[in-house]
Each structure stands twice: as structure tokens, then as C-alpha cells.
N, C-alpha and C. Protein backbone atom coordinates (compact mmCIF):
# COMPACT_ATOMS: atom_id res chain seq x y z
N UNK A 1 1.03 -1.28 -0.29
CA UNK A 1 -0.07 -0.01 -0.06
C UNK A 1 0.67 1.38 0.18
N UNK A 2 0.12 2.24 -0.48
CA UNK A 2 1.08 3.43 -0.74
C UNK A 2 0.95 4.54 -0.03
N UNK A 3 2.10 5.36 0.33
CA UNK A 3 1.80 6.08 1.47
C UNK A 3 0.87 7.03 0.57
N UNK A 4 0.44 7.55 -0.60
CA UNK A 4 -0.78 8.42 -0.52
C UNK A 4 -1.87 7.52 -0.27
N UNK A 5 -2.22 6.33 -0.35
CA UNK A 5 -3.39 5.68 -0.02
C UNK A 5 -3.43 5.79 1.29
N UNK A 6 -2.53 5.61 2.26
CA UNK A 6 -2.90 6.06 3.57
C UNK A 6 -3.43 7.06 3.98
N UNK A 7 -3.45 7.82 2.93
CA UNK A 7 -3.96 9.36 3.44
C UNK A 7 -5.17 9.77 2.73
N UNK A 8 -5.78 8.69 2.22
CA UNK A 8 -7.23 9.05 1.49
C UNK A 8 -8.34 9.28 2.48
N UNK A 9 -9.32 9.90 1.57
CA UNK A 9 -10.55 9.98 1.90
C UNK A 9 -11.91 9.23 1.23
N UNK A 10 -12.77 8.65 1.77
CA UNK A 10 -14.03 7.82 1.35
C UNK A 10 -15.41 8.60 1.73
N UNK A 11 -16.14 8.02 0.77
CA UNK A 11 -17.68 8.33 1.29
C UNK A 11 -18.38 7.23 0.81
N UNK A 12 -19.15 7.11 1.83
CA UNK A 12 -20.13 6.07 1.70
C UNK A 12 -21.78 6.50 1.32
N UNK A 13 -22.33 5.87 0.31
CA UNK A 13 -23.65 6.84 0.14
C UNK A 13 -24.94 5.73 0.56
N UNK A 14 -25.97 5.98 0.38
CA UNK A 14 -27.24 5.10 0.73
C UNK A 14 -27.54 3.90 0.08
N UNK A 15 -26.32 3.71 -1.16
CA UNK A 15 -26.75 2.17 -1.12
C UNK A 15 -25.57 1.50 -1.27
N UNK A 16 -24.68 2.03 -0.23
CA UNK A 16 -23.26 1.45 0.60
C UNK A 16 -21.88 0.83 -0.70
N UNK A 17 -21.86 2.26 -1.82
CA UNK A 17 -20.82 2.15 -2.24
C UNK A 17 -19.85 3.25 -1.69
N UNK A 18 -18.60 2.36 -1.49
CA UNK A 18 -17.26 3.42 -0.82
C UNK A 18 -16.78 4.18 -1.92
N UNK A 19 -16.74 5.18 -2.00
CA UNK A 19 -16.07 6.22 -3.35
C UNK A 19 -14.79 6.49 -2.49
N UNK A 20 -13.86 6.91 -3.48
CA UNK A 20 -12.74 7.66 -3.14
C UNK A 20 -12.58 8.90 -3.56
N UNK A 21 -12.24 10.37 -2.28
CA UNK A 21 -12.71 11.24 -2.76
C UNK A 21 -11.43 12.38 -2.70
N UNK A 22 -11.79 13.33 -3.20
CA UNK A 22 -10.04 13.78 -3.10
C UNK A 22 -9.86 14.55 -1.74
N UNK A 23 -8.37 14.37 -1.26
CA UNK A 23 -7.77 14.47 -0.56
C UNK A 23 -7.27 15.80 -0.32
N UNK A 24 -7.00 16.88 0.78
CA UNK A 24 -6.28 17.74 0.52
C UNK A 24 -5.00 18.10 0.87
N UNK A 25 -3.76 18.46 0.33
CA UNK A 25 -2.50 18.40 0.81
C UNK A 25 -2.41 18.79 2.35
N UNK A 26 -1.50 18.05 3.14
CA UNK A 26 -1.16 18.76 4.40
C UNK A 26 -0.93 19.99 4.58
N UNK A 27 0.12 20.40 3.63
CA UNK A 27 0.44 21.44 4.08
C UNK A 27 -0.12 22.72 3.72
N UNK A 28 -1.50 22.51 2.79
CA UNK A 28 -2.54 23.66 2.65
C UNK A 28 -3.31 23.77 3.97
N UNK A 29 -2.91 22.81 5.45
CA UNK A 29 -3.77 23.04 6.09
C UNK A 29 -3.29 23.40 7.74
N UNK A 30 -1.68 23.57 7.15
CA UNK A 30 -1.10 24.05 8.87
C UNK A 30 -1.51 25.24 9.23
N UNK A 31 -1.42 25.28 10.47
CA UNK A 31 -1.84 26.11 11.01
C UNK A 31 -1.32 26.34 12.48
N UNK A 32 -0.68 27.58 13.05
CA UNK A 32 0.08 27.65 14.26
C UNK A 32 -0.89 26.78 15.38
N UNK A 33 -1.75 27.33 15.64
CA UNK A 33 -2.90 26.82 16.39
C UNK A 33 -4.14 26.67 15.53
N UNK A 34 -5.13 25.38 16.33
CA UNK A 34 -6.34 25.28 15.60
C UNK A 34 -6.72 24.51 17.20
N UNK A 35 -7.68 25.00 17.61
CA UNK A 35 -8.29 24.64 18.92
C UNK A 35 -9.69 23.89 18.52
N UNK A 36 -9.88 22.77 19.67
CA UNK A 36 -11.03 22.21 19.22
C UNK A 36 -12.28 23.43 19.10
N UNK A 37 -12.64 24.56 20.20
CA UNK A 37 -13.70 25.08 20.32
C UNK A 37 -13.37 25.77 18.58
N UNK A 38 -12.73 26.02 17.87
CA UNK A 38 -12.48 26.84 16.79
C UNK A 38 -13.28 25.40 15.56
N UNK A 39 -12.39 24.65 15.67
CA UNK A 39 -13.26 23.49 14.80
C UNK A 39 -14.53 23.18 14.98
N UNK A 40 -15.42 23.48 16.16
CA UNK A 40 -16.94 22.87 16.29
C UNK A 40 -17.36 23.89 15.91
N UNK A 41 -16.86 25.75 15.88
CA UNK A 41 -17.56 26.79 15.27
C UNK A 41 -17.43 26.56 13.64
N UNK A 42 -16.22 26.20 13.18
CA UNK A 42 -16.48 26.03 12.03
C UNK A 42 -17.43 25.07 11.44
N UNK A 43 -17.65 23.95 12.08
CA UNK A 43 -18.75 22.83 11.21
C UNK A 43 -20.17 23.92 11.63
N UNK A 44 -20.39 24.15 12.25
CA UNK A 44 -21.92 24.89 12.79
C UNK A 44 -21.91 25.76 11.64
N UNK A 45 -20.62 26.33 11.48
CA UNK A 45 -21.02 27.75 10.41
C UNK A 45 -21.10 26.46 9.18
N UNK A 46 -20.12 25.61 8.94
CA UNK A 46 -20.72 25.35 7.55
C UNK A 46 -21.91 25.10 7.77
N UNK A 47 -22.64 24.15 8.54
CA UNK A 47 -23.75 23.43 8.40
C UNK A 47 -24.99 24.66 8.36
N UNK A 48 -24.43 26.01 8.78
CA UNK A 48 -25.80 27.03 8.73
C UNK A 48 -26.36 26.93 6.98
N UNK A 49 -25.22 26.99 6.30
CA UNK A 49 -25.81 26.75 4.71
C UNK A 49 -27.30 25.77 4.86
N UNK A 50 -26.70 24.45 5.37
CA UNK A 50 -27.82 23.25 4.67
C UNK A 50 -29.29 23.93 5.17
N UNK A 51 -30.37 23.72 4.52
CA UNK A 51 -31.62 24.20 4.79
C UNK A 51 -32.46 23.23 5.68
N UNK A 52 -31.77 21.81 5.40
CA UNK A 52 -32.40 21.13 6.53
C UNK A 52 -31.25 20.20 6.98
N UNK A 53 -31.60 19.35 8.13
CA UNK A 53 -30.76 18.80 8.73
C UNK A 53 -30.12 17.71 7.49
N UNK A 54 -31.46 17.39 6.81
CA UNK A 54 -31.11 16.04 6.34
C UNK A 54 -30.45 16.37 4.71
N UNK A 55 -30.01 17.59 4.15
CA UNK A 55 -29.10 18.29 3.54
C UNK A 55 -27.91 18.65 3.99
N UNK A 56 -27.53 18.36 5.19
CA UNK A 56 -26.39 18.64 5.40
C UNK A 56 -24.95 17.74 5.01
N UNK A 57 -25.68 16.82 4.57
CA UNK A 57 -24.38 15.48 4.26
C UNK A 57 -23.64 16.18 2.77
N UNK A 58 -24.64 16.90 2.11
CA UNK A 58 -24.07 17.66 0.84
C UNK A 58 -22.42 18.58 1.26
N UNK A 59 -22.92 18.82 2.67
CA UNK A 59 -21.52 19.38 3.10
C UNK A 59 -20.34 18.70 3.78
N UNK A 60 -20.27 17.56 3.14
CA UNK A 60 -19.24 16.52 3.57
C UNK A 60 -17.98 16.93 3.13
N UNK A 61 -17.45 17.20 2.16
CA UNK A 61 -16.46 17.15 1.84
C UNK A 61 -15.48 18.27 2.50
N UNK A 62 -16.42 19.91 2.77
CA UNK A 62 -15.92 20.48 3.82
C UNK A 62 -15.94 20.37 5.28
N UNK A 63 -16.68 19.49 5.35
CA UNK A 63 -16.15 18.99 6.97
C UNK A 63 -15.12 18.10 6.92
N UNK A 64 -14.73 16.71 6.04
CA UNK A 64 -13.78 16.50 5.99
C UNK A 64 -12.51 16.85 6.10
N UNK A 65 -12.25 18.08 5.35
CA UNK A 65 -11.54 18.89 4.87
C UNK A 65 -10.73 19.86 6.68
N UNK A 66 -12.17 19.88 7.40
CA UNK A 66 -11.89 20.58 8.55
C UNK A 66 -11.60 19.62 9.77
N UNK A 67 -12.21 18.21 9.61
CA UNK A 67 -11.53 16.87 10.67
C UNK A 67 -9.99 16.87 9.91
N UNK A 68 -9.62 17.25 9.24
CA UNK A 68 -7.84 16.63 8.88
C UNK A 68 -7.00 17.70 9.31
N UNK A 69 -7.73 19.05 9.10
CA UNK A 69 -7.03 19.98 9.69
C UNK A 69 -7.28 20.09 11.14
N UNK A 70 -7.95 19.41 11.99
CA UNK A 70 -8.03 20.10 13.44
C UNK A 70 -6.95 18.46 13.42
N UNK A 71 -7.08 17.33 12.90
CA UNK A 71 -6.37 15.94 13.46
C UNK A 71 -4.67 16.43 13.51
N UNK A 72 -4.40 17.70 12.19
CA UNK A 72 -2.72 17.72 11.71
C UNK A 72 -2.68 18.83 12.84
N UNK A 73 -3.41 19.48 13.37
CA UNK A 73 -2.36 20.66 14.27
C UNK A 73 -2.79 20.69 15.83
N UNK A 74 -3.81 19.55 15.78
CA UNK A 74 -4.17 19.57 17.04
C UNK A 74 -3.36 17.90 17.65
N UNK A 75 -2.37 18.38 18.60
CA UNK A 75 -1.64 17.42 19.20
C UNK A 75 -2.55 16.77 20.25
N UNK A 76 -3.44 17.44 20.76
CA UNK A 76 -4.50 17.47 22.18
C UNK A 76 -5.07 16.09 21.62
N UNK A 77 -5.62 16.00 20.79
CA UNK A 77 -6.63 15.41 19.85
C UNK A 77 -6.12 13.89 19.99
N UNK A 78 -5.18 13.96 19.73
CA UNK A 78 -4.60 12.25 19.74
C UNK A 78 -4.03 11.61 21.11
N UNK A 79 -4.09 12.43 22.27
CA UNK A 79 -3.80 12.22 23.18
C UNK A 79 -4.97 12.00 24.17
N UNK A 80 -6.03 12.31 23.80
CA UNK A 80 -7.36 11.53 24.28
C UNK A 80 -7.91 10.25 23.98
N UNK A 81 -7.13 9.59 25.10
CA UNK A 81 -8.23 7.90 24.67
C UNK A 81 -7.79 7.65 26.35
N UNK A 82 -8.80 5.89 25.95
CA UNK A 82 -8.40 5.32 27.37
C UNK A 82 -8.53 3.86 26.89
N UNK A 83 -8.20 3.04 27.85
CA UNK A 83 -8.05 1.98 27.84
C UNK A 83 -9.40 1.57 27.50
N UNK A 84 -9.44 0.51 26.34
CA UNK A 84 -11.21 -0.06 25.75
C UNK A 84 -11.41 -0.89 27.48
N UNK A 85 -12.79 -1.02 27.48
CA UNK A 85 -13.53 -1.68 28.59
C UNK A 85 -13.32 -2.88 28.00
N UNK A 86 -12.47 -3.55 29.36
CA UNK A 86 -12.30 -5.04 29.45
C UNK A 86 -13.84 -6.23 28.93
N UNK A 87 -15.01 -5.80 29.23
CA UNK A 87 -16.26 -6.06 29.10
C UNK A 87 -16.54 -5.98 27.85
N UNK A 88 -16.75 -4.91 27.21
CA UNK A 88 -17.23 -4.45 25.77
C UNK A 88 -16.15 -4.48 24.75
N UNK A 89 -14.77 -4.28 25.12
CA UNK A 89 -13.71 -4.13 24.56
C UNK A 89 -13.51 -2.80 23.69
N UNK A 90 -14.58 -1.89 24.57
CA UNK A 90 -14.44 -0.23 23.13
C UNK A 90 -14.75 0.38 24.55
N UNK A 91 -14.17 1.76 24.39
CA UNK A 91 -14.52 2.87 25.43
C UNK A 91 -14.76 4.19 24.23
N UNK A 92 -15.82 5.24 24.49
CA UNK A 92 -16.24 5.86 24.21
C UNK A 92 -15.95 7.08 25.03
N UNK A 93 -14.68 8.35 24.25
CA UNK A 93 -14.54 9.31 24.87
C UNK A 93 -14.80 10.79 24.48
N UNK A 94 -15.96 11.06 25.14
CA UNK A 94 -16.81 12.19 24.68
C UNK A 94 -15.85 13.82 24.52
N UNK A 95 -15.34 14.26 23.55
CA UNK A 95 -14.76 15.82 23.79
C UNK A 95 -15.51 16.75 24.28
N UNK A 96 -16.89 16.84 23.92
CA UNK A 96 -17.48 18.19 24.36
C UNK A 96 -18.85 17.86 24.00
N UNK A 97 -19.89 18.16 25.67
CA UNK A 97 -21.17 17.93 25.51
C UNK A 97 -21.50 18.91 25.74
N UNK A 98 -22.97 19.12 25.38
CA UNK A 98 -23.88 20.47 25.95
C UNK A 98 -25.10 19.89 25.69
N UNK A 99 -25.73 20.28 26.73
CA UNK A 99 -27.36 19.95 26.45
C UNK A 99 -28.08 20.66 24.78
N UNK A 100 -28.67 19.60 24.47
CA UNK A 100 -29.15 20.40 22.75
C UNK A 100 -27.99 20.71 21.78
N UNK A 101 -26.44 20.23 22.49
CA UNK A 101 -25.80 20.87 21.10
C UNK A 101 -25.93 19.53 20.18
N UNK A 102 -26.10 20.14 18.86
CA UNK A 102 -26.55 19.45 17.60
C UNK A 102 -25.21 18.15 16.85
N UNK A 103 -23.95 18.11 17.84
CA UNK A 103 -22.95 17.30 16.91
C UNK A 103 -22.84 16.74 18.07
N UNK A 104 -22.27 15.58 17.88
CA UNK A 104 -21.57 14.73 18.93
C UNK A 104 -20.56 14.36 18.42
N UNK A 105 -19.05 14.23 18.84
CA UNK A 105 -17.70 14.64 18.89
C UNK A 105 -17.10 13.73 19.76
N UNK A 106 -16.26 12.76 19.21
CA UNK A 106 -15.75 11.68 20.44
C UNK A 106 -14.43 11.19 20.00
N UNK A 107 -13.82 10.15 20.56
CA UNK A 107 -12.47 9.85 20.76
C UNK A 107 -13.17 8.04 20.73
N UNK A 108 -13.20 6.91 19.90
CA UNK A 108 -13.37 5.85 20.43
C UNK A 108 -11.89 4.82 20.54
N UNK A 109 -12.00 4.07 21.45
CA UNK A 109 -10.58 3.28 21.19
C UNK A 109 -11.62 1.60 21.64
N UNK A 110 -11.08 0.73 20.81
CA UNK A 110 -11.52 -0.43 20.58
C UNK A 110 -10.56 -1.38 20.06
N UNK A 111 -10.88 -2.97 21.15
CA UNK A 111 -9.86 -3.85 21.05
C UNK A 111 -9.57 -4.89 19.41
N UNK A 112 -8.75 -5.18 19.38
CA UNK A 112 -8.29 -6.05 18.01
C UNK A 112 -9.81 -6.94 18.01
N UNK A 113 -10.27 -7.55 17.31
CA UNK A 113 -11.11 -8.70 17.09
C UNK A 113 -12.58 -8.05 17.35
N UNK A 114 -12.94 -6.84 17.70
CA UNK A 114 -14.38 -6.32 18.38
C UNK A 114 -15.21 -6.21 17.13
N UNK A 115 -16.42 -6.57 16.68
CA UNK A 115 -16.63 -6.22 15.49
C UNK A 115 -18.40 -5.56 15.95
N UNK A 116 -18.83 -4.67 15.53
CA UNK A 116 -19.76 -3.98 15.67
C UNK A 116 -21.22 -4.70 15.00
N UNK A 117 -22.48 -4.83 15.98
CA UNK A 117 -23.29 -4.48 14.70
C UNK A 117 -23.19 -4.09 13.51
N UNK A 118 -23.97 -4.22 13.00
CA UNK A 118 -24.25 -3.73 11.09
C UNK A 118 -25.73 -2.90 11.60
N UNK A 119 -25.15 -1.33 11.43
CA UNK A 119 -26.11 -0.61 11.79
C UNK A 119 -25.60 0.68 10.45
N UNK A 120 -26.77 1.60 10.58
CA UNK A 120 -26.36 2.89 10.28
C UNK A 120 -26.35 4.30 11.27
N UNK A 121 -26.19 5.36 11.06
CA UNK A 121 -26.38 6.31 12.43
C UNK A 121 -27.41 7.50 12.21
N UNK A 122 -28.39 7.23 11.41
CA UNK A 122 -29.42 8.30 11.24
C UNK A 122 -28.92 9.70 11.37
N UNK A 123 -27.81 9.76 10.63
CA UNK A 123 -27.04 11.29 10.34
C UNK A 123 -25.72 11.07 10.00
N UNK A 124 -25.22 12.03 9.14
CA UNK A 124 -23.89 11.85 8.34
C UNK A 124 -23.04 11.73 9.63
N UNK A 125 -21.75 11.03 9.05
CA UNK A 125 -20.68 11.11 10.14
C UNK A 125 -19.16 11.26 9.56
N UNK A 126 -18.61 11.69 9.77
CA UNK A 126 -16.92 11.42 9.77
C UNK A 126 -16.21 10.55 10.63
N UNK A 127 -15.69 9.54 9.99
CA UNK A 127 -14.68 9.15 11.27
C UNK A 127 -12.97 8.98 10.79
N UNK A 128 -12.07 9.41 11.23
CA UNK A 128 -10.71 9.70 11.20
C UNK A 128 -10.10 8.44 12.10
N UNK A 129 -9.17 7.52 11.36
CA UNK A 129 -8.33 6.71 12.03
C UNK A 129 -7.44 7.18 12.56
N UNK A 130 -6.86 7.66 13.72
CA UNK A 130 -5.95 7.98 14.00
C UNK A 130 -4.17 6.84 14.90
N UNK A 131 -5.32 5.64 14.76
CA UNK A 131 -4.34 4.40 15.14
C UNK A 131 -5.10 3.10 14.77
N UNK A 132 -4.41 2.16 14.55
CA UNK A 132 -4.84 1.00 14.07
C UNK A 132 -5.42 0.51 12.92
N UNK A 133 -6.40 -0.22 12.62
CA UNK A 133 -6.89 -0.83 11.33
C UNK A 133 -7.98 -1.19 11.47
N UNK A 134 -9.20 -0.85 10.63
CA UNK A 134 -10.06 -1.13 10.54
C UNK A 134 -10.84 -1.81 9.45
N UNK A 135 -11.78 -3.21 9.06
CA UNK A 135 -11.91 -3.03 8.24
C UNK A 135 -13.74 -2.94 8.20
N UNK A 136 -14.19 -2.23 7.33
CA UNK A 136 -15.80 -1.54 7.26
C UNK A 136 -16.38 -2.17 6.06
N UNK A 137 -17.34 -3.27 6.22
CA UNK A 137 -18.19 -3.79 5.33
C UNK A 137 -19.80 -3.34 5.19
N UNK A 138 -19.88 -2.79 4.23
CA UNK A 138 -21.02 -1.92 3.64
C UNK A 138 -21.91 -3.02 3.08
N UNK A 139 -23.32 -2.32 3.65
CA UNK A 139 -24.68 -3.14 3.34
C UNK A 139 -25.79 -2.14 2.34
N UNK A 140 -26.61 -3.02 2.13
CA UNK A 140 -27.52 -1.92 1.19
C UNK A 140 -28.81 -2.77 1.14
N UNK A 141 -30.12 -2.13 1.13
CA UNK A 141 -31.29 -2.86 1.05
C UNK A 141 -31.30 -3.51 -0.22
N UNK A 142 -31.73 -5.02 0.26
CA UNK A 142 -32.43 -5.55 -0.97
C UNK A 142 -33.77 -5.18 -1.68
N UNK A 143 -33.76 -6.13 -2.83
CA UNK A 143 -35.02 -5.72 -3.96
C UNK A 143 -36.43 -5.62 -3.06
N UNK A 144 -36.46 -6.36 -1.59
CA UNK A 144 -37.36 -6.42 -1.26
C UNK A 144 -38.03 -5.21 -0.30
N UNK A 145 -36.76 -4.49 -0.06
CA UNK A 145 -37.01 -3.42 0.78
C UNK A 145 -36.97 -3.53 2.73
N UNK A 146 -36.57 -4.98 2.87
CA UNK A 146 -37.11 -5.33 4.24
C UNK A 146 -35.50 -6.16 4.54
N UNK A 147 -34.80 -6.38 3.64
CA UNK A 147 -33.21 -7.21 4.24
C UNK A 147 -32.50 -6.26 3.57
N UNK A 148 -31.26 -6.66 4.03
CA UNK A 148 -30.27 -5.90 3.66
C UNK A 148 -28.98 -7.41 3.17
N UNK A 149 -28.42 -6.57 1.86
CA UNK A 149 -27.44 -7.49 1.60
C UNK A 149 -26.00 -6.56 1.78
N UNK A 150 -25.13 -7.75 1.57
CA UNK A 150 -23.43 -6.60 1.28
C UNK A 150 -22.81 -6.38 0.12
N UNK A 151 -22.23 -5.17 0.44
CA UNK A 151 -21.80 -4.52 -1.21
C UNK A 151 -20.25 -4.43 -1.25
N UNK A 152 -19.70 -4.49 0.02
CA UNK A 152 -18.30 -4.64 -0.04
C UNK A 152 -17.59 -4.38 1.02
N UNK A 153 -16.27 -4.22 0.91
CA UNK A 153 -15.62 -3.86 2.10
C UNK A 153 -14.21 -2.90 1.41
N UNK A 154 -14.02 -2.09 2.93
CA UNK A 154 -12.93 -1.63 2.88
C UNK A 154 -11.65 -1.87 4.09
N UNK A 155 -10.76 -1.77 3.63
CA UNK A 155 -10.00 -1.95 4.88
C UNK A 155 -9.22 -0.59 5.16
N UNK A 156 -9.28 0.07 6.49
CA UNK A 156 -9.19 1.32 6.56
C UNK A 156 -7.83 1.52 7.53
N UNK A 157 -6.74 2.42 7.15
CA UNK A 157 -5.04 2.55 8.21
C UNK A 157 -5.24 3.78 8.63
N UNK A 158 -4.53 3.85 9.74
CA UNK A 158 -4.39 5.09 10.26
C UNK A 158 -3.67 6.38 9.09
N UNK A 159 -4.74 7.43 9.53
CA UNK A 159 -4.70 8.76 8.39
C UNK A 159 -5.70 8.55 7.73
N UNK A 160 -6.62 7.38 7.53
CA UNK A 160 -7.56 7.74 6.47
C UNK A 160 -8.65 8.24 6.94
N UNK A 161 -9.80 8.81 6.19
CA UNK A 161 -11.10 9.37 6.41
C UNK A 161 -12.04 8.77 6.11
N UNK A 162 -12.83 8.24 6.58
CA UNK A 162 -14.29 7.85 5.92
C UNK A 162 -15.72 8.59 6.39
N UNK A 163 -16.57 9.09 5.16
CA UNK A 163 -17.62 9.65 5.56
C UNK A 163 -18.91 9.23 4.95
N UNK A 164 -19.77 9.00 5.88
CA UNK A 164 -21.30 8.36 5.76
C UNK A 164 -22.42 9.14 5.51
N UNK A 165 -23.26 8.75 4.24
CA UNK A 165 -24.19 9.57 4.15
C UNK A 165 -25.44 9.06 5.51
N UNK A 166 -26.61 9.43 5.80
CA UNK A 166 -27.23 9.24 7.21
C UNK A 166 -27.85 7.79 6.97
N UNK A 167 -28.00 7.31 5.53
CA UNK A 167 -29.03 5.82 5.14
C UNK A 167 -27.70 5.06 5.17
N UNK A 168 -26.21 5.61 5.04
CA UNK A 168 -25.36 4.45 4.57
C UNK A 168 -25.51 3.49 6.16
N UNK A 169 -25.04 2.24 5.47
CA UNK A 169 -25.10 0.95 6.73
C UNK A 169 -23.90 -0.01 6.36
N UNK A 170 -23.26 -0.11 7.47
CA UNK A 170 -21.90 -0.46 7.78
C UNK A 170 -21.61 -1.49 8.77
N UNK A 171 -20.66 -2.23 8.95
CA UNK A 171 -20.00 -2.93 10.13
C UNK A 171 -18.34 -2.95 10.30
N UNK A 172 -18.38 -2.61 11.65
CA UNK A 172 -16.53 -1.80 11.81
C UNK A 172 -16.31 -3.51 12.35
N UNK A 173 -14.84 -3.82 12.40
CA UNK A 173 -14.09 -5.24 12.45
C UNK A 173 -12.52 -4.32 12.77
N UNK A 174 -11.98 -4.14 14.36
CA UNK A 174 -10.88 -3.52 14.42
C UNK A 174 -10.07 -4.83 14.16
N UNK A 175 -9.16 -4.73 13.40
CA UNK A 175 -7.77 -5.53 12.81
C UNK A 175 -6.58 -5.54 13.41
N UNK A 176 -5.60 -6.09 12.98
CA UNK A 176 -4.57 -6.26 13.78
C UNK A 176 -3.84 -6.48 15.23
N UNK A 177 -3.21 -6.18 15.73
CA UNK A 177 -2.57 -6.94 17.11
C UNK A 177 -3.17 -5.49 18.30
N UNK A 178 -3.04 -4.08 17.78
CA UNK A 178 -3.26 -3.30 18.88
C UNK A 178 -4.40 -2.62 18.45
N UNK A 179 -5.39 -1.71 19.51
CA UNK A 179 -6.24 -1.61 19.87
C UNK A 179 -6.42 -0.09 18.53
N UNK A 180 -7.61 0.22 17.95
CA UNK A 180 -7.84 1.15 17.10
C UNK A 180 -8.30 2.31 18.44
N UNK A 181 -7.92 3.69 17.20
CA UNK A 181 -8.20 5.06 17.96
C UNK A 181 -9.13 5.95 16.60
N UNK A 182 -10.34 6.21 16.62
CA UNK A 182 -10.67 7.06 15.85
C UNK A 182 -11.26 8.25 16.76
N UNK A 183 -11.06 9.28 15.57
CA UNK A 183 -11.84 10.36 15.86
C UNK A 183 -13.14 10.38 15.36
N UNK A 184 -14.32 10.83 15.69
CA UNK A 184 -15.67 10.66 15.06
C UNK A 184 -16.42 11.75 15.63
N UNK A 185 -17.30 12.59 14.63
CA UNK A 185 -17.90 13.39 14.24
C UNK A 185 -19.54 13.13 13.50
N UNK A 186 -20.10 13.33 14.67
CA UNK A 186 -22.09 13.51 13.90
C UNK A 186 -22.74 14.32 13.68
N UNK A 187 -23.44 14.42 13.15
CA UNK A 187 -24.80 15.46 12.90
C UNK A 187 -25.65 14.82 14.18
N UNK A 188 -26.88 16.04 13.98
CA UNK A 188 -27.74 15.57 14.87
C UNK A 188 -28.79 14.15 14.40
N UNK A 189 -28.77 13.21 15.25
CA UNK A 189 -29.55 12.09 14.68
C UNK A 189 -30.92 12.17 14.48
N UNK A 190 -31.29 11.50 13.80
CA UNK A 190 -32.50 11.46 13.51
C UNK A 190 -33.29 10.06 14.16
N UNK A 191 -33.81 9.86 15.56
CA UNK A 191 -34.21 8.79 15.77
C UNK A 191 -34.76 7.74 15.24
N UNK A 192 -35.82 8.31 14.48
CA UNK A 192 -36.29 7.40 13.97
C UNK A 192 -35.85 7.04 12.12
N UNK A 193 -34.89 7.24 12.12
CA UNK A 193 -33.85 7.16 11.15
C UNK A 193 -32.85 5.90 11.40
N UNK A 194 -32.45 5.83 12.61
CA UNK A 194 -31.39 4.92 13.01
C UNK A 194 -31.74 3.52 13.61
N UNK A 195 -30.87 2.52 13.03
CA UNK A 195 -31.09 1.30 12.94
C UNK A 195 -29.97 0.66 13.38
N UNK A 196 -29.95 -0.60 13.81
CA UNK A 196 -28.96 -1.66 13.96
C UNK A 196 -29.77 -3.61 13.26
N UNK A 197 -29.39 -3.77 12.57
CA UNK A 197 -29.38 -4.92 11.85
C UNK A 197 -29.42 -6.72 12.30
N UNK A 198 -30.46 -7.31 12.72
CA UNK A 198 -29.91 -8.67 13.28
C UNK A 198 -29.10 -9.48 12.60
N UNK A 199 -28.14 -10.24 12.99
CA UNK A 199 -26.69 -10.57 11.68
C UNK A 199 -27.27 -11.55 11.61
N UNK A 200 -28.50 -12.43 11.97
CA UNK A 200 -29.58 -13.67 11.35
C UNK A 200 -30.38 -13.84 10.38
N UNK A 201 -31.51 -12.56 10.29
CA UNK A 201 -32.45 -12.42 9.36
C UNK A 201 -31.87 -10.89 8.63
N UNK A 202 -31.25 -10.43 9.01
CA UNK A 202 -30.80 -9.23 8.46
C UNK A 202 -31.94 -8.19 8.43
N UNK A 203 -32.51 -8.17 9.36
CA UNK A 203 -33.96 -7.10 8.97
C UNK A 203 -33.56 -6.14 10.08
N UNK A 204 -33.85 -5.06 10.09
CA UNK A 204 -33.42 -3.78 10.81
C UNK A 204 -34.46 -3.97 12.10
N UNK A 205 -34.06 -3.27 13.05
CA UNK A 205 -34.41 -3.39 14.83
C UNK A 205 -34.18 -2.16 15.23
N UNK A 206 -34.63 -2.01 16.32
CA UNK A 206 -34.35 -0.60 16.97
C UNK A 206 -33.13 -0.72 17.20
N UNK A 207 -32.34 0.74 16.95
CA UNK A 207 -30.79 0.46 17.89
C UNK A 207 -30.95 0.35 18.83
């Protein structure tokens, strides 16, 4: 795998197609200081242009760029981690919380071998792999509109960024011998649009 590929951006649409997207050059993103509060303000400013929350995913290229800028210029971000919970194999560390705040921003640590349920997020999302390796399996609804079927896989390595439309369905497995550390940013979840899927029946159920 080439060095260029290790810093690629990906986009997953509503039918489970993982598409390669343009990646900004690191030297175009360098800044003396780029604090979390600046990043969050920038994201909210971008979303101000979306007439409706369901249209916010249109701005994922700009959001991915801001995520890369934060990772590149914020050493603090990469130090925010915790040992994965021995019971679940993963730990979520919120980076900012406020009642009614429309963004979810967090670092997640996951042990090797952990596999998530098949799920969507009910909102747009951007995930940056800070350390480790993950396999993402993508799904779409079958012709009957009830069951889902796999559409492909993508192994992500440190430095790659993947973004999702609200209806995108995936499952994540942590690979390698070390925990994976990811930075995750999500929009405001629409509860009626978020599901997980039974691994045997491949039918949606409440998350």
C-alpha cells in the first residue's frame, strides 16, 4: 500500500458504495493553533448553509477538510484516549458535551477482534483513524426493501478518513494486534432513521 493511499478520504452513499474522494494536501492545512472550539464553530458555520438537517451531508467535503485540519494541528486530540473497557472491548470518550448541542464529537478506542453490529447512524458522520486498522463492510437494502445485503468492504489504516450519508449501513471490525483509535464526528441524529440489523435475519430493529 502506497503512502498516498494511507491518507485517502472515502465517502459511503446510501446504497453502500464506498467512493474515493479528493484529499487536501497537508501543507495547505497547517496552522499554528487550531483548537477544538474553533473546529466546532467552523463545522456549525458550514452547516448553517444547509436548509434542512437532511441536506447537511452535502457539506461532507468541507467537513472532512476541517477534520483533517484538526487532526494535523491538534496534538491534544491524539492524546485523548482511554483503555478499552474489558467487558465490551471498546470505550467512548466524549470530547464535548452540552445539552441540545447538535454535534457528537468523540474519540473511540476499540480492541482487536471487536466487531460492531450492522448499523446506520441516522445522520451524516465522519470517522478518522488515528491509530490502528479497521475493516468496514458495507450493506444496502435488497430489492424487497426489508432485508439487507453486503455490497463490499474497505480496510482502513491510520491516516484515512471515511464519511457516511445518513442512510449508509456498515459494520466495523478492528484488525491487527493493537487497539484502534478513531476520531468521530456526527450530526444531529434522527432517532426514527437509526437502526441496527439482526446478523441472522438481516432485518432492521431499533438501535
